[in-house]
Amino acid sequence: MQHKKDAPLRSDAQRNRERILEVALTELTLRPDAPLSAIAKQAGVGQGTFYRNFPNRESLVLEIYRHEMHQVAESAAQLLEQLPPAQALRAWMDRLAEFAMTKAGLADAIRLATSTPGSPEKPKPTHTPVTEAAELLLRANDAVGAIRPGMTPDDLVLAIGGLWQLAPTDDWRPRATRLLDLVMDGLRAGAPGADGRPRPS
């Protein structure tokens, strides 16, 4: 009987997969053409295990990108459980900055993996999960009057687009913090509530 493609992995198989992704993210950011065999060795898995998870370079690189993107998206709900909406939104922006640096660091590896001379470039993963996370956070902030009304996920993504101009090799964190603080100040300007509490109508 054939297993479903999306069937949950056994815990040891899941750990192997996550370890491969962790090592590959580091190695491919440093060396976009790092040999897959070297990544497998450093991850402590055999060639068979590696290629069962990732049959080629393209599948590995795109899965790293998807994995990091989904981690950022899933953190939105977790942050809302732990923090007031405005603080959750600001903390999530920091997570998004980390993702932006991951994407920048992997840019050359993505190009190498998805582009073949003489053939059309393959599609890249979309930002839909990140956009959905932004919408969740904005709705939560709207509900308590913590940000100006009418903001959309697209507005937020455009406002923080400067993150994608930062280079991961530089000391990017202070600049990202200043940029995101500025964006957060703009979101709060004209907010109907104070300190996350709606004003009485």
Protein backbone atom coordinates (compact mmCIF):
# COMPACT_ATOMS: atom_id res chain seq x y z
CA MET A 1 0.00 0.00 0.00
CA GLN A 2 1.46 3.37 -1.03
CA HIS A 3 1.90 5.98 1.69
CA LYS A 4 0.24 9.32 1.21
CA LYS A 5 2.66 12.02 0.19
CA ASP A 6 1.72 14.21 3.13
CA ALA A 7 1.73 11.42 5.73
CA PRO A 8 3.53 12.49 8.95
CA LEU A 9 7.18 11.48 9.13
CA ARG A 10 8.38 9.28 11.98
CA SER A 11 10.13 11.29 14.69
CA ASP A 12 13.62 10.10 13.71
CA ALA A 13 12.95 10.79 10.03
CA GLN A 14 11.63 14.25 10.92
CA ARG A 15 14.73 14.99 12.98
CA ASN A 16 16.95 13.92 10.06
CA ARG A 17 15.04 16.18 7.70
CA GLU A 18 15.21 19.17 10.03
CA ARG A 19 18.92 18.59 10.63
CA ILE A 20 19.59 18.52 6.88
CA LEU A 21 17.67 21.78 6.44
CA GLU A 22 19.55 23.42 9.31
CA VAL A 23 22.98 22.44 7.96
CA ALA A 24 22.04 23.24 4.36
CA LEU A 25 20.84 26.73 5.28
CA THR A 26 24.21 27.53 6.84
CA GLU A 27 26.33 25.89 4.14
CA LEU A 28 24.44 27.21 1.11
CA THR A 29 24.40 30.73 2.54
CA LEU A 30 28.20 30.58 2.80
CA ARG A 31 28.74 28.61 -0.43
CA PRO A 32 25.84 28.54 -2.92
CA ASP A 33 27.49 25.63 -4.78
CA ALA A 34 28.31 23.57 -1.67
CA PRO A 35 28.31 19.83 -2.60
CA LEU A 36 25.21 17.95 -1.45
CA SER A 37 27.45 15.12 -0.25
CA ALA A 38 29.22 17.54 2.12
CA ILE A 39 25.88 18.75 3.47
CA ALA A 40 24.74 15.17 4.07
CA LYS A 41 27.99 14.31 5.86
CA GLN A 42 27.84 17.35 8.13
CA ALA A 43 24.17 16.63 8.90
CA GLY A 44 25.18 13.13 9.98
CA VAL A 45 22.96 11.28 7.50
CA GLY A 46 23.75 8.80 4.76
CA GLN A 47 23.43 9.52 1.05
CA GLY A 48 20.32 7.34 0.84
CA THR A 49 18.58 9.24 3.63
CA PHE A 50 19.58 12.55 2.12
CA TYR A 51 18.30 11.78 -1.37
CA ARG A 52 15.07 10.24 -0.06
CA ASN A 53 14.32 13.62 1.47
CA PHE A 54 15.80 15.81 -1.24
CA PRO A 55 16.34 14.12 -4.61
CA ASN A 56 18.17 17.13 -6.06
CA ARG A 57 19.62 20.56 -5.23
CA GLU A 58 16.51 22.41 -6.35
CA SER A 59 14.22 20.50 -4.00
CA LEU A 60 16.60 21.14 -1.08
CA VAL A 61 17.01 24.88 -1.68
CA LEU A 62 13.32 25.53 -2.22
CA GLU A 63 12.40 23.50 0.85
CA ILE A 64 14.79 25.57 2.98
CA TYR A 65 13.07 28.70 1.70
CA ARG A 66 9.58 27.28 2.31
CA HIS A 67 10.56 25.98 5.75
CA GLU A 68 11.90 29.35 6.89
CA MET A 69 8.88 31.15 5.46
CA HIS A 70 6.42 28.86 7.24
CA GLN A 71 8.32 29.24 10.51
CA VAL A 72 7.84 33.01 10.27
CA ALA A 73 4.17 32.65 9.34
CA GLU A 74 3.40 30.23 12.15
CA SER A 75 5.09 32.47 14.71
CA ALA A 76 2.35 35.11 14.27
CA ALA A 77 -0.31 33.07 16.09
CA GLN A 78 2.20 32.02 18.75
CA LEU A 79 3.19 35.63 19.45
CA LEU A 80 -0.45 36.70 19.73
CA GLU A 81 -0.95 34.06 22.41
CA GLN A 82 2.00 35.40 24.40
CA LEU A 83 1.87 39.19 23.89
CA PRO A 84 -0.56 42.08 23.42
CA PRO A 85 -1.33 42.62 19.70
CA ALA A 86 0.96 45.63 19.20
CA GLN A 87 3.92 43.91 20.86
CA ALA A 88 3.21 40.72 18.91
CA LEU A 89 3.23 42.66 15.64
CA ARG A 90 6.54 44.35 16.45
CA ALA A 91 8.13 41.06 17.55
CA TRP A 92 6.90 39.41 14.36
CA MET A 93 8.55 42.13 12.29
CA ASP A 94 11.86 41.05 13.84
CA ARG A 95 11.15 37.46 12.76
CA LEU A 96 10.41 38.75 9.27
CA ALA A 97 13.74 40.57 9.24
CA GLU A 98 15.49 37.29 10.00
CA PHE A 99 13.62 35.69 7.11
CA ALA A 100 14.62 38.54 4.80
CA MET A 101 18.26 37.90 5.65
CA THR A 102 17.78 34.17 5.01
CA LYS A 103 16.34 34.92 1.59
CA ALA A 104 19.15 37.33 0.79
CA GLY A 105 21.76 34.83 1.93
CA LEU A 106 20.21 32.08 -0.17
CA ALA A 107 19.66 34.23 -3.26
CA ASP A 108 22.64 32.83 -5.18
CA ALA A 109 21.81 29.25 -4.16
CA ILE A 110 18.20 29.72 -5.33
CA ARG A 111 19.36 31.06 -8.68
CA LEU A 112 21.82 28.18 -9.13
CA ALA A 113 19.25 25.57 -8.19
CA THR A 114 16.28 26.85 -10.18
CA SER A 115 17.89 28.17 -13.36
CA THR A 116 19.15 25.90 -16.11
CA PRO A 117 20.87 27.42 -19.18
CA GLY A 118 18.52 27.42 -22.14
CA SER A 119 15.39 26.65 -20.12
CA PRO A 120 12.81 28.91 -18.47
CA GLU A 121 13.33 29.74 -14.81
CA LYS A 122 11.19 27.65 -12.48
CA PRO A 123 8.67 29.39 -10.20
CA LYS A 124 9.80 30.45 -6.73
CA PRO A 125 7.72 29.94 -3.58
CA THR A 126 5.12 32.63 -3.02
CA HIS A 127 4.82 34.80 0.07
CA THR A 128 1.20 33.78 0.78
CA PRO A 129 1.83 32.32 4.28
CA VAL A 130 3.67 35.49 5.33
CA THR A 131 0.88 37.66 3.92
CA GLU A 132 -1.72 35.62 5.81
CA ALA A 133 0.29 36.02 9.02
CA ALA A 134 0.47 39.79 8.50
CA GLU A 135 -3.30 39.87 8.03
CA LEU A 136 -3.83 37.93 11.27
CA LEU A 137 -1.69 40.38 13.21
CA LEU A 138 -3.25 43.47 11.63
CA ARG A 139 -6.77 42.21 12.38
CA ALA A 140 -5.81 41.60 16.03
CA ASN A 141 -4.42 45.12 16.30
CA ASP A 142 -7.45 46.62 14.56
CA ALA A 143 -9.71 44.88 17.06
CA VAL A 144 -8.11 46.73 19.99
CA GLY A 145 -7.52 50.00 18.16
CA ALA A 146 -3.74 49.70 18.45
CA ILE A 147 -2.99 50.79 14.86
CA ARG A 148 -4.46 53.19 12.37
CA PRO A 149 -7.50 51.73 10.61
CA GLY A 150 -7.50 50.45 7.05
CA MET A 151 -4.02 48.93 6.93
CA THR A 152 -3.69 45.88 4.67
CA PRO A 153 -1.05 43.12 4.55
CA ASP A 154 0.18 44.54 1.25
CA ASP A 155 0.59 47.96 2.89
CA LEU A 156 2.69 46.41 5.65
CA VAL A 157 4.87 44.40 3.27
CA LEU A 158 5.51 47.50 1.15
CA ALA A 159 6.28 49.60 4.24
CA ILE A 160 8.95 47.17 5.42
CA GLY A 161 10.31 46.47 1.95
CA GLY A 162 13.58 48.11 2.93
CA LEU A 163 14.47 44.94 4.80
CA TRP A 164 15.15 43.27 1.48
CA GLN A 165 17.73 45.94 0.65
CA LEU A 166 19.91 45.02 3.63
CA ALA A 167 22.90 42.74 3.11
CA PRO A 168 23.20 39.73 5.44
CA THR A 169 26.98 40.16 5.55
CA ASP A 170 26.67 43.61 7.12
CA ASP A 171 25.71 44.50 10.68
CA TRP A 172 22.09 44.64 9.59
CA ARG A 173 20.29 44.30 12.94
CA PRO A 174 20.61 47.91 14.20
CA ARG A 175 19.42 49.27 10.85
CA ALA A 176 16.53 46.80 10.71
CA THR A 177 15.51 47.76 14.26
CA ARG A 178 15.46 51.47 13.39
CA LEU A 179 13.49 50.81 10.21
CA LEU A 180 10.91 48.60 11.92
CA ASP A 181 10.53 51.00 14.87
CA LEU A 182 9.79 53.74 12.35
CA VAL A 183 7.18 51.56 10.61
CA MET A 184 5.57 50.69 13.96
CA ASP A 185 5.39 54.39 14.90
CA GLY A 186 3.64 55.03 11.60
CA LEU A 187 1.15 52.23 12.22
CA ARG A 188 0.32 53.65 15.66
CA ALA A 189 -0.19 57.19 14.34
CA GLY A 190 -3.92 57.83 14.14
CA ALA A 191 -4.80 54.66 16.06
CA PRO A 192 -8.28 54.96 17.66
CA GLY A 193 -7.19 53.24 20.90
CA ALA A 194 -4.44 53.91 23.44
CA ASP A 195 -2.14 51.24 24.83
CA GLY A 196 -4.06 48.60 22.90
CA ARG A 197 -7.42 49.48 24.52
CA PRO A 198 -10.34 50.63 22.35
CA ARG A 199 -11.69 54.04 23.11
CA PRO A 200 -15.38 54.16 24.09
CA SER A 201 -17.64 55.12 21.21
